[in-house]
Amino acid sequence: MRQSAISFQSKRLELEGIISFPDDISGDVPAVAVCHSHPMLGGNFSDPVVVEICQAASDLGLATLRFNFRGVGDSQGEFTNGKKEHHDAKTALDVLRRWPGVDGKHLAIVGYSLGAAVVLDSFKLFKHARALAFVAPTVKSVKNRKFKNDKRPRLIIAGGNDRVASSVEIQRELDEARQPVRFTEVAGADHSMRGHETKIARIVAEFISESLN
C-alpha cells in the first residue's frame, strides 16, 4: 500500500488526510473514504478500526482516503460534535472522486461510530457513493428514512455487547429497510470494537469490493 499525506479545504478549513493506493495496480481503481469515530473517545484517522479498514481495502485493490474531521489532530477549526462534520465527509468524498488514479464512478464511504452518524444524518449529500458501510452507528441514525429507502448496497456492523448502540435495536430498524442492506453482528464486541478490528475490516472491505466491482 502506497500512502501519501494530503490536505484539502472544507468550508475554508484545511483538513489533513492520508490517501493510499494498492501496490502494483495500474489504471483507475475504485476508492473508499473512511470517517473516524468521536475524538473524545480517541477517534481520529489513526484509529485501529479506520487503519485496518484502509489496509484491507488496499489488499483488495481499492484506493482509500482517511482524514481528520475539523478540530481533530492537525485539521483546522473546532470540532462541532456532528453539527458541521458532514461538510468534511462530503468534501473528502469529492476530493477522492477527482483524485488522479481513482475511478470516480466507483466510490464508497465508510463511517465508524460518530463517522457513521455524520454520514447517516446527512445521507442525501452522498449521492456519489455507490456503496455505504457503517460500523457501530447509533440507533437514532439508522432510523433515517432516506437511508432506509435507498436502493444502494448498504452494510451495518454492530457489536453484540455494544451498550451505546444496541445491535438488537439496530437490527429491528433494519427490518423496515429496503434491500439490499446487510447486517452483521460481531459477537463479544463493544462500541470500541477493540480486538475485532481485523475481522471488521475484512467484512467491510469485501463488501465494498463486491459492491463496486
N, C-alpha and C. Protein backbone atom coordinates (compact mmCIF):
# COMPACT_ATOMS: atom_id res chain seq x y z
N MET A 1 0.85 -1.19 0.00
CA MET A 1 0.00 0.00 0.00
C MET A 1 0.88 1.24 0.00
N ARG A 2 0.67 2.12 -0.97
CA ARG A 2 1.40 3.38 -1.08
C ARG A 2 0.57 4.50 -0.46
N GLN A 3 1.12 5.17 0.56
CA GLN A 3 0.38 6.20 1.28
C GLN A 3 1.02 7.56 1.11
N SER A 4 0.17 8.60 1.07
CA SER A 4 0.66 9.97 0.98
C SER A 4 -0.19 10.85 1.89
N ALA A 5 0.47 11.74 2.64
CA ALA A 5 -0.24 12.72 3.45
C ALA A 5 -0.73 13.84 2.54
N ILE A 6 -1.99 14.24 2.70
CA ILE A 6 -2.56 15.31 1.88
C ILE A 6 -3.30 16.29 2.78
N SER A 7 -3.68 17.43 2.22
CA SER A 7 -4.58 18.36 2.89
C SER A 7 -5.61 18.83 1.88
N PHE A 8 -6.79 19.16 2.36
CA PHE A 8 -7.84 19.66 1.47
C PHE A 8 -8.74 20.62 2.23
N GLN A 9 -9.45 21.46 1.49
CA GLN A 9 -10.28 22.51 2.07
C GLN A 9 -11.72 22.03 2.25
N SER A 10 -12.26 22.27 3.43
CA SER A 10 -13.66 22.02 3.71
C SER A 10 -14.23 23.26 4.38
N LYS A 11 -15.06 24.01 3.63
CA LYS A 11 -15.64 25.25 4.15
C LYS A 11 -14.55 26.16 4.73
N ARG A 12 -13.51 26.37 3.93
CA ARG A 12 -12.38 27.27 4.26
C ARG A 12 -11.48 26.75 5.38
N LEU A 13 -11.69 25.54 5.81
CA LEU A 13 -10.82 24.92 6.80
C LEU A 13 -9.93 23.89 6.10
N GLU A 14 -8.68 23.85 6.50
CA GLU A 14 -7.76 22.88 5.92
C GLU A 14 -7.75 21.62 6.77
N LEU A 15 -8.12 20.51 6.15
CA LEU A 15 -8.16 19.24 6.85
C LEU A 15 -7.00 18.36 6.41
N GLU A 16 -6.53 17.52 7.31
CA GLU A 16 -5.45 16.60 6.97
C GLU A 16 -6.01 15.23 6.66
N GLY A 17 -5.34 14.55 5.75
CA GLY A 17 -5.77 13.21 5.39
C GLY A 17 -4.61 12.37 4.90
N ILE A 18 -4.88 11.09 4.72
CA ILE A 18 -3.91 10.16 4.16
C ILE A 18 -4.60 9.39 3.05
N ILE A 19 -4.06 9.51 1.84
CA ILE A 19 -4.62 8.79 0.70
C ILE A 19 -3.70 7.63 0.38
N SER A 20 -4.27 6.51 0.00
CA SER A 20 -3.47 5.33 -0.30
C SER A 20 -3.94 4.65 -1.57
N PHE A 21 -3.00 4.00 -2.22
CA PHE A 21 -3.28 3.22 -3.41
C PHE A 21 -2.66 1.84 -3.26
N PRO A 22 -3.30 0.82 -3.80
CA PRO A 22 -2.72 -0.52 -3.73
C PRO A 22 -1.45 -0.61 -4.57
N ASP A 23 -0.56 -1.48 -4.16
CA ASP A 23 0.68 -1.69 -4.91
C ASP A 23 0.41 -2.43 -6.21
N ASP A 24 1.23 -2.13 -7.20
CA ASP A 24 1.29 -2.91 -8.44
C ASP A 24 -0.05 -3.00 -9.18
N ILE A 25 -0.82 -1.92 -9.13
CA ILE A 25 -2.06 -1.87 -9.90
C ILE A 25 -2.03 -0.61 -10.76
N SER A 26 -2.26 -0.79 -12.05
CA SER A 26 -2.27 0.36 -12.96
C SER A 26 -3.70 0.67 -13.38
N GLY A 27 -3.90 1.89 -13.86
CA GLY A 27 -5.24 2.31 -14.26
C GLY A 27 -6.03 2.82 -13.09
N ASP A 28 -7.20 3.38 -13.38
CA ASP A 28 -8.06 3.93 -12.33
C ASP A 28 -8.69 2.82 -11.50
N VAL A 29 -8.72 3.02 -10.18
CA VAL A 29 -9.23 1.99 -9.27
C VAL A 29 -10.42 2.53 -8.48
N PRO A 30 -11.31 1.65 -8.03
CA PRO A 30 -12.38 2.07 -7.11
C PRO A 30 -11.77 2.60 -5.82
N ALA A 31 -12.55 3.37 -5.08
CA ALA A 31 -12.00 4.01 -3.89
C ALA A 31 -13.04 4.17 -2.80
N VAL A 32 -12.55 4.32 -1.56
CA VAL A 32 -13.44 4.47 -0.41
C VAL A 32 -12.90 5.53 0.53
N ALA A 33 -13.78 6.39 1.02
CA ALA A 33 -13.45 7.37 2.05
C ALA A 33 -13.91 6.82 3.40
N VAL A 34 -13.07 7.00 4.43
CA VAL A 34 -13.36 6.41 5.74
C VAL A 34 -13.40 7.52 6.79
N CYS A 35 -14.52 7.57 7.55
CA CYS A 35 -14.75 8.62 8.56
C CYS A 35 -14.60 8.03 9.96
N HIS A 36 -13.82 8.69 10.80
CA HIS A 36 -13.46 8.14 12.11
C HIS A 36 -14.52 8.38 13.18
N SER A 37 -14.26 7.84 14.35
CA SER A 37 -15.19 7.93 15.48
C SER A 37 -14.98 9.23 16.28
N HIS A 38 -15.68 9.35 17.40
CA HIS A 38 -15.68 10.59 18.18
C HIS A 38 -14.30 10.86 18.79
N PRO A 39 -13.77 12.07 18.62
CA PRO A 39 -12.44 12.37 19.17
C PRO A 39 -12.36 12.29 20.69
N MET A 40 -13.47 12.50 21.39
CA MET A 40 -13.47 12.39 22.85
C MET A 40 -13.25 10.95 23.29
N LEU A 41 -13.47 10.02 22.38
CA LEU A 41 -13.21 8.60 22.65
C LEU A 41 -11.92 8.15 21.97
N GLY A 42 -11.12 9.13 21.55
CA GLY A 42 -9.84 8.81 20.91
C GLY A 42 -9.92 8.66 19.41
N GLY A 43 -11.04 9.02 18.83
CA GLY A 43 -11.22 8.85 17.39
C GLY A 43 -10.41 9.84 16.57
N ASN A 44 -9.73 9.32 15.57
CA ASN A 44 -9.02 10.13 14.58
C ASN A 44 -8.65 9.22 13.41
N PHE A 45 -7.93 9.74 12.43
CA PHE A 45 -7.66 8.92 11.25
C PHE A 45 -6.62 7.81 11.50
N SER A 46 -6.08 7.77 12.72
CA SER A 46 -5.16 6.69 13.08
C SER A 46 -5.81 5.64 13.96
N ASP A 47 -7.12 5.75 14.16
CA ASP A 47 -7.85 4.75 14.94
C ASP A 47 -7.64 3.37 14.32
N PRO A 48 -7.41 2.33 15.13
CA PRO A 48 -7.15 0.99 14.59
C PRO A 48 -8.24 0.47 13.65
N VAL A 49 -9.51 0.78 13.94
CA VAL A 49 -10.59 0.33 13.05
C VAL A 49 -10.44 0.97 11.68
N VAL A 50 -10.16 2.28 11.66
CA VAL A 50 -10.02 3.01 10.39
C VAL A 50 -8.81 2.51 9.61
N VAL A 51 -7.69 2.36 10.29
CA VAL A 51 -6.46 1.92 9.62
C VAL A 51 -6.61 0.52 9.06
N GLU A 52 -7.21 -0.36 9.84
CA GLU A 52 -7.40 -1.74 9.37
C GLU A 52 -8.33 -1.81 8.16
N ILE A 53 -9.37 -0.99 8.15
CA ILE A 53 -10.28 -0.96 7.00
C ILE A 53 -9.53 -0.50 5.76
N CYS A 54 -8.70 0.51 5.90
CA CYS A 54 -7.94 1.01 4.75
C CYS A 54 -6.96 -0.04 4.25
N GLN A 55 -6.31 -0.74 5.16
CA GLN A 55 -5.37 -1.78 4.75
C GLN A 55 -6.08 -2.92 4.03
N ALA A 56 -7.20 -3.35 4.58
CA ALA A 56 -7.95 -4.45 3.97
C ALA A 56 -8.49 -4.05 2.60
N ALA A 57 -8.93 -2.80 2.48
CA ALA A 57 -9.43 -2.31 1.19
C ALA A 57 -8.30 -2.26 0.16
N SER A 58 -7.13 -1.80 0.59
CA SER A 58 -5.98 -1.76 -0.31
C SER A 58 -5.61 -3.16 -0.78
N ASP A 59 -5.67 -4.13 0.11
CA ASP A 59 -5.35 -5.52 -0.24
C ASP A 59 -6.26 -6.05 -1.33
N LEU A 60 -7.46 -5.47 -1.43
CA LEU A 60 -8.43 -5.90 -2.44
C LEU A 60 -8.44 -4.97 -3.66
N GLY A 61 -7.44 -4.11 -3.75
CA GLY A 61 -7.29 -3.29 -4.95
C GLY A 61 -8.02 -1.96 -4.93
N LEU A 62 -8.36 -1.45 -3.74
CA LEU A 62 -9.09 -0.18 -3.63
C LEU A 62 -8.17 0.93 -3.14
N ALA A 63 -8.38 2.13 -3.65
CA ALA A 63 -7.75 3.32 -3.08
C ALA A 63 -8.56 3.75 -1.87
N THR A 64 -7.92 4.44 -0.91
CA THR A 64 -8.63 4.88 0.29
C THR A 64 -8.23 6.30 0.66
N LEU A 65 -9.13 6.98 1.35
CA LEU A 65 -8.83 8.27 1.95
C LEU A 65 -9.38 8.27 3.36
N ARG A 66 -8.49 8.39 4.34
CA ARG A 66 -8.89 8.59 5.73
C ARG A 66 -8.45 9.99 6.12
N PHE A 67 -9.24 10.65 6.92
CA PHE A 67 -8.98 12.06 7.22
C PHE A 67 -9.44 12.39 8.63
N ASN A 68 -8.96 13.52 9.14
CA ASN A 68 -9.41 14.00 10.43
C ASN A 68 -10.47 15.08 10.25
N PHE A 69 -11.58 14.91 10.97
CA PHE A 69 -12.62 15.93 10.97
C PHE A 69 -12.05 17.25 11.50
N ARG A 70 -12.74 18.33 11.23
CA ARG A 70 -12.35 19.65 11.74
C ARG A 70 -12.09 19.62 13.24
N GLY A 71 -11.00 20.28 13.65
CA GLY A 71 -10.67 20.34 15.06
C GLY A 71 -10.02 19.10 15.63
N VAL A 72 -9.77 18.10 14.79
CA VAL A 72 -9.14 16.86 15.24
C VAL A 72 -7.73 16.77 14.66
N GLY A 73 -6.75 16.40 15.49
CA GLY A 73 -5.37 16.33 15.02
C GLY A 73 -4.91 17.69 14.53
N ASP A 74 -4.38 17.72 13.32
CA ASP A 74 -3.91 18.97 12.73
C ASP A 74 -4.92 19.58 11.77
N SER A 75 -6.13 19.08 11.74
CA SER A 75 -7.17 19.70 10.92
C SER A 75 -7.62 21.00 11.59
N GLN A 76 -7.82 22.02 10.80
CA GLN A 76 -8.19 23.33 11.33
C GLN A 76 -9.64 23.35 11.83
N GLY A 77 -9.95 24.42 12.58
CA GLY A 77 -11.32 24.64 13.03
C GLY A 77 -11.60 24.01 14.39
N GLU A 78 -12.86 24.02 14.75
CA GLU A 78 -13.31 23.45 16.01
C GLU A 78 -14.26 22.28 15.74
N PHE A 79 -14.09 21.23 16.49
CA PHE A 79 -14.99 20.09 16.38
C PHE A 79 -16.38 20.50 16.84
N THR A 80 -17.42 20.13 16.08
CA THR A 80 -18.78 20.59 16.40
C THR A 80 -19.71 19.45 16.81
N ASN A 81 -19.15 18.30 17.15
CA ASN A 81 -19.94 17.18 17.66
C ASN A 81 -21.03 16.72 16.69
N GLY A 82 -20.69 16.75 15.42
CA GLY A 82 -21.60 16.24 14.40
C GLY A 82 -22.44 17.28 13.70
N LYS A 83 -22.39 18.52 14.13
CA LYS A 83 -23.25 19.56 13.53
C LYS A 83 -22.77 20.00 12.15
N LYS A 84 -21.43 20.06 11.95
CA LYS A 84 -20.89 20.54 10.68
C LYS A 84 -19.95 19.54 10.02
N GLU A 85 -19.69 18.43 10.67
CA GLU A 85 -18.72 17.47 10.14
C GLU A 85 -19.18 16.81 8.84
N HIS A 86 -20.49 16.90 8.54
CA HIS A 86 -20.95 16.34 7.26
C HIS A 86 -20.31 17.07 6.08
N HIS A 87 -19.98 18.35 6.26
CA HIS A 87 -19.28 19.09 5.20
C HIS A 87 -17.92 18.43 4.93
N ASP A 88 -17.25 18.02 5.99
CA ASP A 88 -15.93 17.41 5.87
C ASP A 88 -16.02 16.06 5.15
N ALA A 89 -17.01 15.26 5.52
CA ALA A 89 -17.17 13.94 4.90
C ALA A 89 -17.51 14.07 3.42
N LYS A 90 -18.41 14.98 3.10
CA LYS A 90 -18.78 15.16 1.69
C LYS A 90 -17.59 15.67 0.88
N THR A 91 -16.84 16.62 1.44
CA THR A 91 -15.68 17.14 0.73
C THR A 91 -14.64 16.06 0.53
N ALA A 92 -14.43 15.22 1.52
CA ALA A 92 -13.46 14.13 1.39
C ALA A 92 -13.85 13.20 0.23
N LEU A 93 -15.13 12.88 0.14
CA LEU A 93 -15.58 12.02 -0.95
C LEU A 93 -15.40 12.72 -2.29
N ASP A 94 -15.66 14.01 -2.35
CA ASP A 94 -15.48 14.77 -3.60
C ASP A 94 -14.00 14.84 -3.99
N VAL A 95 -13.13 15.03 -3.00
CA VAL A 95 -11.68 15.05 -3.27
C VAL A 95 -11.25 13.71 -3.84
N LEU A 96 -11.71 12.64 -3.23
CA LEU A 96 -11.36 11.30 -3.69
C LEU A 96 -11.89 11.04 -5.10
N ARG A 97 -13.08 11.52 -5.37
CA ARG A 97 -13.71 11.32 -6.69
C ARG A 97 -12.89 11.93 -7.82
N ARG A 98 -12.21 13.02 -7.53
CA ARG A 98 -11.46 13.74 -8.56
C ARG A 98 -9.96 13.42 -8.53
N TRP A 99 -9.55 12.56 -7.63
CA TRP A 99 -8.12 12.30 -7.48
C TRP A 99 -7.57 11.48 -8.65
N PRO A 100 -6.41 11.85 -9.19
CA PRO A 100 -5.82 11.07 -10.29
C PRO A 100 -5.59 9.61 -9.88
N GLY A 101 -6.01 8.71 -10.75
CA GLY A 101 -5.86 7.29 -10.46
C GLY A 101 -7.07 6.65 -9.82
N VAL A 102 -8.07 7.49 -9.47
CA VAL A 102 -9.31 6.99 -8.87
C VAL A 102 -10.42 6.95 -9.91
N ASP A 103 -11.15 5.84 -9.94
CA ASP A 103 -12.34 5.73 -10.78
C ASP A 103 -13.49 6.43 -10.05
N GLY A 104 -13.77 7.66 -10.45
CA GLY A 104 -14.75 8.49 -9.75
C GLY A 104 -16.17 8.00 -9.82
N LYS A 105 -16.43 6.99 -10.63
CA LYS A 105 -17.78 6.42 -10.73
C LYS A 105 -17.95 5.18 -9.86
N HIS A 106 -16.86 4.79 -9.20
CA HIS A 106 -16.91 3.60 -8.33
C HIS A 106 -16.37 3.97 -6.95
N LEU A 107 -17.22 4.63 -6.16
CA LEU A 107 -16.83 5.13 -4.85
C LEU A 107 -17.71 4.55 -3.75
N ALA A 108 -17.13 4.47 -2.57
CA ALA A 108 -17.88 4.07 -1.39
C ALA A 108 -17.48 4.96 -0.23
N ILE A 109 -18.31 4.98 0.79
CA ILE A 109 -17.97 5.72 2.01
C ILE A 109 -18.25 4.83 3.22
N VAL A 110 -17.36 4.91 4.20
CA VAL A 110 -17.48 4.13 5.43
C VAL A 110 -17.48 5.09 6.61
N GLY A 111 -18.38 4.87 7.55
CA GLY A 111 -18.40 5.67 8.76
C GLY A 111 -18.33 4.77 9.98
N TYR A 112 -17.50 5.15 10.94
CA TYR A 112 -17.35 4.38 12.17
C TYR A 112 -17.85 5.22 13.35
N SER A 113 -18.84 4.73 14.07
CA SER A 113 -19.40 5.39 15.25
C SER A 113 -19.88 6.81 14.90
N LEU A 114 -19.23 7.83 15.41
CA LEU A 114 -19.63 9.20 15.06
C LEU A 114 -19.57 9.39 13.55
N GLY A 115 -18.55 8.84 12.90
CA GLY A 115 -18.44 8.97 11.44
C GLY A 115 -19.65 8.38 10.74
N ALA A 116 -20.18 7.29 11.28
CA ALA A 116 -21.38 6.69 10.71
C ALA A 116 -22.57 7.63 10.88
N ALA A 117 -22.73 8.20 12.07
CA ALA A 117 -23.84 9.11 12.32
C ALA A 117 -23.75 10.35 11.44
N VAL A 118 -22.54 10.86 11.23
CA VAL A 118 -22.36 12.04 10.38
C VAL A 118 -22.88 11.77 8.97
N VAL A 119 -22.53 10.63 8.41
CA VAL A 119 -22.98 10.30 7.06
C VAL A 119 -24.48 10.00 7.04
N LEU A 120 -24.96 9.23 7.98
CA LEU A 120 -26.38 8.86 8.01
C LEU A 120 -27.28 10.05 8.23
N ASP A 121 -26.87 10.98 9.09
CA ASP A 121 -27.70 12.14 9.39
C ASP A 121 -27.78 13.12 8.22
N SER A 122 -26.85 13.01 7.27
CA SER A 122 -26.85 13.87 6.07
C SER A 122 -26.79 13.00 4.83
N PHE A 123 -27.57 11.96 4.83
CA PHE A 123 -27.46 10.89 3.84
C PHE A 123 -27.59 11.38 2.40
N LYS A 124 -28.43 12.36 2.18
CA LYS A 124 -28.70 12.83 0.83
C LYS A 124 -27.47 13.49 0.18
N LEU A 125 -26.48 13.86 0.97
CA LEU A 125 -25.29 14.54 0.43
C LEU A 125 -24.33 13.58 -0.26
N PHE A 126 -24.51 12.29 -0.05
CA PHE A 126 -23.50 11.33 -0.51
C PHE A 126 -23.98 10.52 -1.71
N LYS A 127 -24.52 11.24 -2.69
CA LYS A 127 -25.08 10.58 -3.87
C LYS A 127 -24.01 9.95 -4.75
N HIS A 128 -22.76 10.40 -4.62
CA HIS A 128 -21.70 9.84 -5.46
C HIS A 128 -21.19 8.50 -4.94
N ALA A 129 -21.58 8.11 -3.75
CA ALA A 129 -21.17 6.81 -3.21
C ALA A 129 -22.08 5.72 -3.75
N ARG A 130 -21.49 4.70 -4.34
CA ARG A 130 -22.28 3.58 -4.86
C ARG A 130 -22.54 2.52 -3.81
N ALA A 131 -21.79 2.55 -2.73
CA ALA A 131 -21.98 1.62 -1.62
C ALA A 131 -21.64 2.34 -0.33
N LEU A 132 -22.27 1.94 0.77
CA LEU A 132 -22.07 2.61 2.06
C LEU A 132 -21.99 1.57 3.16
N ALA A 133 -21.02 1.75 4.07
CA ALA A 133 -20.85 0.82 5.18
C ALA A 133 -20.74 1.60 6.47
N PHE A 134 -21.38 1.09 7.53
CA PHE A 134 -21.41 1.79 8.81
C PHE A 134 -21.07 0.82 9.94
N VAL A 135 -20.07 1.19 10.72
CA VAL A 135 -19.63 0.38 11.85
C VAL A 135 -20.05 1.08 13.13
N ALA A 136 -20.79 0.37 13.97
CA ALA A 136 -21.26 0.90 15.26
C ALA A 136 -22.01 2.22 15.13
N PRO A 137 -23.01 2.30 14.24
CA PRO A 137 -23.83 3.52 14.16
C PRO A 137 -24.78 3.59 15.34
N THR A 138 -25.31 4.76 15.62
CA THR A 138 -26.32 4.88 16.67
C THR A 138 -27.67 4.37 16.14
N VAL A 139 -28.52 3.97 17.06
CA VAL A 139 -29.86 3.53 16.67
C VAL A 139 -30.61 4.68 16.01
N LYS A 140 -30.48 5.87 16.58
CA LYS A 140 -31.17 7.03 16.03
C LYS A 140 -30.78 7.28 14.58
N SER A 141 -29.51 7.13 14.26
CA SER A 141 -29.06 7.45 12.90
C SER A 141 -29.59 6.47 11.85
N VAL A 142 -29.79 5.21 12.22
CA VAL A 142 -30.28 4.24 11.23
C VAL A 142 -31.80 4.36 11.03
N LYS A 143 -32.46 5.23 11.81
CA LYS A 143 -33.89 5.46 11.60
C LYS A 143 -34.16 6.41 10.44
N ASN A 144 -33.11 7.00 9.90
CA ASN A 144 -33.23 7.94 8.79
C ASN A 144 -33.98 7.31 7.62
N ARG A 145 -35.08 7.94 7.20
CA ARG A 145 -35.91 7.36 6.15
C ARG A 145 -35.19 7.32 4.80
N LYS A 146 -34.36 8.31 4.54
CA LYS A 146 -33.62 8.31 3.28
C LYS A 146 -32.68 7.11 3.22
N PHE A 147 -32.07 6.77 4.35
CA PHE A 147 -31.22 5.59 4.41
C PHE A 147 -32.05 4.32 4.21
N LYS A 148 -33.16 4.24 4.90
CA LYS A 148 -33.98 3.02 4.83
C LYS A 148 -34.55 2.79 3.43
N ASN A 149 -34.84 3.87 2.70
CA ASN A 149 -35.46 3.73 1.38
C ASN A 149 -34.46 3.72 0.23
N ASP A 150 -33.19 3.80 0.52
CA ASP A 150 -32.18 3.88 -0.53
C ASP A 150 -32.05 2.55 -1.26
N LYS A 151 -31.63 2.62 -2.53
CA LYS A 151 -31.52 1.43 -3.37
C LYS A 151 -30.10 0.86 -3.41
N ARG A 152 -29.13 1.61 -2.88
CA ARG A 152 -27.73 1.19 -3.00
C ARG A 152 -27.38 0.11 -1.96
N PRO A 153 -26.33 -0.66 -2.22
CA PRO A 153 -25.87 -1.64 -1.23
C PRO A 153 -25.41 -0.93 0.04
N ARG A 154 -25.90 -1.40 1.19
CA ARG A 154 -25.55 -0.81 2.48
C ARG A 154 -25.20 -1.92 3.46
N LEU A 155 -24.19 -1.68 4.26
CA LEU A 155 -23.74 -2.64 5.27
C LEU A 155 -23.76 -1.97 6.63
N ILE A 156 -24.30 -2.67 7.63
CA ILE A 156 -24.28 -2.22 9.01
C ILE A 156 -23.59 -3.29 9.85
N ILE A 157 -22.60 -2.87 10.65
CA ILE A 157 -21.93 -3.78 11.57
C ILE A 157 -22.14 -3.26 12.99
N ALA A 158 -22.61 -4.13 13.87
CA ALA A 158 -22.86 -3.75 15.26
C ALA A 158 -22.21 -4.76 16.19
N GLY A 159 -21.80 -4.29 17.35
CA GLY A 159 -21.21 -5.17 18.35
C GLY A 159 -22.26 -5.84 19.20
N GLY A 160 -22.08 -7.11 19.46
CA GLY A 160 -23.05 -7.84 20.27
C GLY A 160 -23.15 -7.33 21.69
N ASN A 161 -22.07 -6.71 22.19
CA ASN A 161 -22.05 -6.18 23.56
C ASN A 161 -22.02 -4.65 23.58
N ASP A 162 -22.47 -4.03 22.51
CA ASP A 162 -22.45 -2.57 22.42
C ASP A 162 -23.59 -1.98 23.25
N ARG A 163 -23.22 -1.25 24.32
CA ARG A 163 -24.23 -0.64 25.19
C ARG A 163 -24.61 0.76 24.72
N VAL A 164 -23.85 1.29 23.76
CA VAL A 164 -24.15 2.61 23.21
C VAL A 164 -25.17 2.50 22.08
N ALA A 165 -24.98 1.49 21.25
CA ALA A 165 -25.87 1.28 20.10
C ALA A 165 -26.25 -0.21 20.06
N SER A 166 -27.39 -0.51 20.61
CA SER A 166 -27.84 -1.90 20.74
C SER A 166 -27.99 -2.58 19.39
N SER A 167 -27.32 -3.70 19.22
CA SER A 167 -27.42 -4.43 17.95
C SER A 167 -28.83 -4.95 17.71
N VAL A 168 -29.54 -5.28 18.78
CA VAL A 168 -30.92 -5.76 18.65
C VAL A 168 -31.82 -4.64 18.12
N GLU A 169 -31.66 -3.45 18.66
CA GLU A 169 -32.48 -2.33 18.21
C GLU A 169 -32.12 -1.91 16.79
N ILE A 170 -30.85 -1.96 16.46
CA ILE A 170 -30.42 -1.63 15.09
C ILE A 170 -31.02 -2.62 14.10
N GLN A 171 -30.94 -3.90 14.43
CA GLN A 171 -31.48 -4.91 13.53
C GLN A 171 -33.00 -4.75 13.37
N ARG A 172 -33.66 -4.36 14.43
CA ARG A 172 -35.11 -4.12 14.37
C ARG A 172 -35.43 -2.99 13.38
N GLU A 173 -34.62 -1.94 13.42
CA GLU A 173 -34.81 -0.83 12.47
C GLU A 173 -34.55 -1.28 11.04
N LEU A 174 -33.57 -2.14 10.86
CA LEU A 174 -33.21 -2.58 9.50
C LEU A 174 -34.25 -3.52 8.90
N ASP A 175 -35.09 -4.09 9.73
CA ASP A 175 -36.17 -4.94 9.21
C ASP A 175 -37.10 -4.15 8.29
N GLU A 176 -37.13 -2.83 8.48
CA GLU A 176 -38.00 -1.97 7.67
C GLU A 176 -37.28 -1.40 6.45
N ALA A 177 -35.99 -1.67 6.32
CA ALA A 177 -35.19 -1.04 5.27
C ALA A 177 -35.33 -1.77 3.93
N ARG A 178 -35.27 -0.99 2.89
CA ARG A 178 -35.32 -1.53 1.53
C ARG A 178 -34.02 -2.27 1.23
N GLN A 179 -34.12 -3.37 0.51
CA GLN A 179 -32.93 -4.11 0.11
C GLN A 179 -32.24 -3.43 -1.08
N PRO A 180 -30.92 -3.60 -1.25
CA PRO A 180 -30.06 -4.52 -0.49
C PRO A 180 -29.42 -3.84 0.73
N VAL A 181 -29.64 -4.44 1.88
CA VAL A 181 -28.97 -3.98 3.09
C VAL A 181 -28.50 -5.23 3.85
N ARG A 182 -27.29 -5.18 4.35
CA ARG A 182 -26.69 -6.33 5.02
C ARG A 182 -26.36 -5.95 6.46
N PHE A 183 -26.66 -6.86 7.38
CA PHE A 183 -26.38 -6.62 8.79
C PHE A 183 -25.47 -7.71 9.33
N THR A 184 -24.44 -7.30 10.07
CA THR A 184 -23.53 -8.25 10.70
C THR A 184 -23.35 -7.87 12.16
N GLU A 185 -23.57 -8.82 13.05
CA GLU A 185 -23.29 -8.62 14.46
C GLU A 185 -21.97 -9.29 14.79
N VAL A 186 -21.09 -8.56 15.47
CA VAL A 186 -19.81 -9.10 15.89
C VAL A 186 -19.93 -9.53 17.35
N ALA A 187 -19.96 -10.82 17.56
CA ALA A 187 -20.14 -11.35 18.91
C ALA A 187 -19.00 -10.91 19.82
N GLY A 188 -19.36 -10.46 21.02
CA GLY A 188 -18.36 -10.09 22.01
C GLY A 188 -17.80 -8.69 21.86
N ALA A 189 -18.18 -7.97 20.82
CA ALA A 189 -17.63 -6.64 20.58
C ALA A 189 -18.46 -5.57 21.27
N ASP A 190 -17.77 -4.60 21.91
CA ASP A 190 -18.48 -3.45 22.45
C ASP A 190 -18.37 -2.31 21.44
N HIS A 191 -18.70 -1.09 21.86
CA HIS A 191 -18.76 0.02 20.91
C HIS A 191 -17.39 0.36 20.33
N SER A 192 -16.34 0.12 21.08
CA SER A 192 -14.99 0.43 20.59
C SER A 192 -14.53 -0.56 19.53
N MET A 193 -15.12 -1.74 19.49
CA MET A 193 -14.74 -2.81 18.57
C MET A 193 -13.30 -3.30 18.80
N ARG A 194 -12.75 -2.96 19.95
CA ARG A 194 -11.37 -3.34 20.24
C ARG A 194 -11.20 -4.85 20.24
N GLY A 195 -10.16 -5.30 19.56
CA GLY A 195 -9.89 -6.72 19.46
C GLY A 195 -10.57 -7.38 18.27
N HIS A 196 -11.43 -6.62 17.59
CA HIS A 196 -12.17 -7.17 16.45
C HIS A 196 -11.89 -6.39 15.17
N GLU A 197 -10.86 -5.55 15.21
CA GLU A 197 -10.60 -4.65 14.08
C GLU A 197 -10.34 -5.40 12.77
N THR A 198 -9.55 -6.44 12.83
CA THR A 198 -9.19 -7.17 11.61
C THR A 198 -10.41 -7.83 10.98
N LYS A 199 -11.24 -8.43 11.81
CA LYS A 199 -12.46 -9.08 11.31
C LYS A 199 -13.40 -8.06 10.67
N ILE A 200 -13.59 -6.94 11.37
CA ILE A 200 -14.48 -5.90 10.85
C ILE A 200 -13.95 -5.35 9.54
N ALA A 201 -12.64 -5.10 9.49
CA ALA A 201 -12.03 -4.56 8.27
C ALA A 201 -12.22 -5.51 7.08
N ARG A 202 -12.08 -6.79 7.34
CA ARG A 202 -12.26 -7.76 6.25
C ARG A 202 -13.70 -7.75 5.74
N ILE A 203 -14.65 -7.71 6.66
CA ILE A 203 -16.07 -7.70 6.26
C ILE A 203 -16.38 -6.45 5.44
N VAL A 204 -15.91 -5.30 5.92
CA VAL A 204 -16.17 -4.04 5.23
C VAL A 204 -15.52 -4.03 3.85
N ALA A 205 -14.25 -4.40 3.78
CA ALA A 205 -13.52 -4.35 2.52
C ALA A 205 -14.10 -5.31 1.49
N GLU A 206 -14.48 -6.50 1.92
CA GLU A 206 -15.07 -7.47 0.98
C GLU A 206 -16.42 -6.98 0.48
N PHE A 207 -17.20 -6.37 1.36
CA PHE A 207 -18.49 -5.82 0.94
C PHE A 207 -18.31 -4.72 -0.09
N ILE A 208 -17.39 -3.81 0.17
CA ILE A 208 -17.16 -2.70 -0.75
C ILE A 208 -16.63 -3.20 -2.08
N SER A 209 -15.65 -4.08 -2.03
CA SER A 209 -15.09 -4.62 -3.28
C SER A 209 -16.15 -5.31 -4.11
N GLU A 210 -16.97 -6.10 -3.45
CA GLU A 210 -18.07 -6.81 -4.14
C GLU A 210 -19.08 -5.82 -4.73
N SER A 211 -19.36 -4.75 -4.01
CA SER A 211 -20.37 -3.78 -4.44
C SER A 211 -19.89 -2.89 -5.57
N LEU A 212 -18.59 -2.61 -5.62
CA LEU A 212 -18.05 -1.67 -6.61
C LEU A 212 -17.53 -2.34 -7.86
N ASN A 213 -17.21 -3.62 -7.77
CA ASN A 213 -16.63 -4.31 -8.93
C ASN A 213 -17.65 -5.14 -9.70
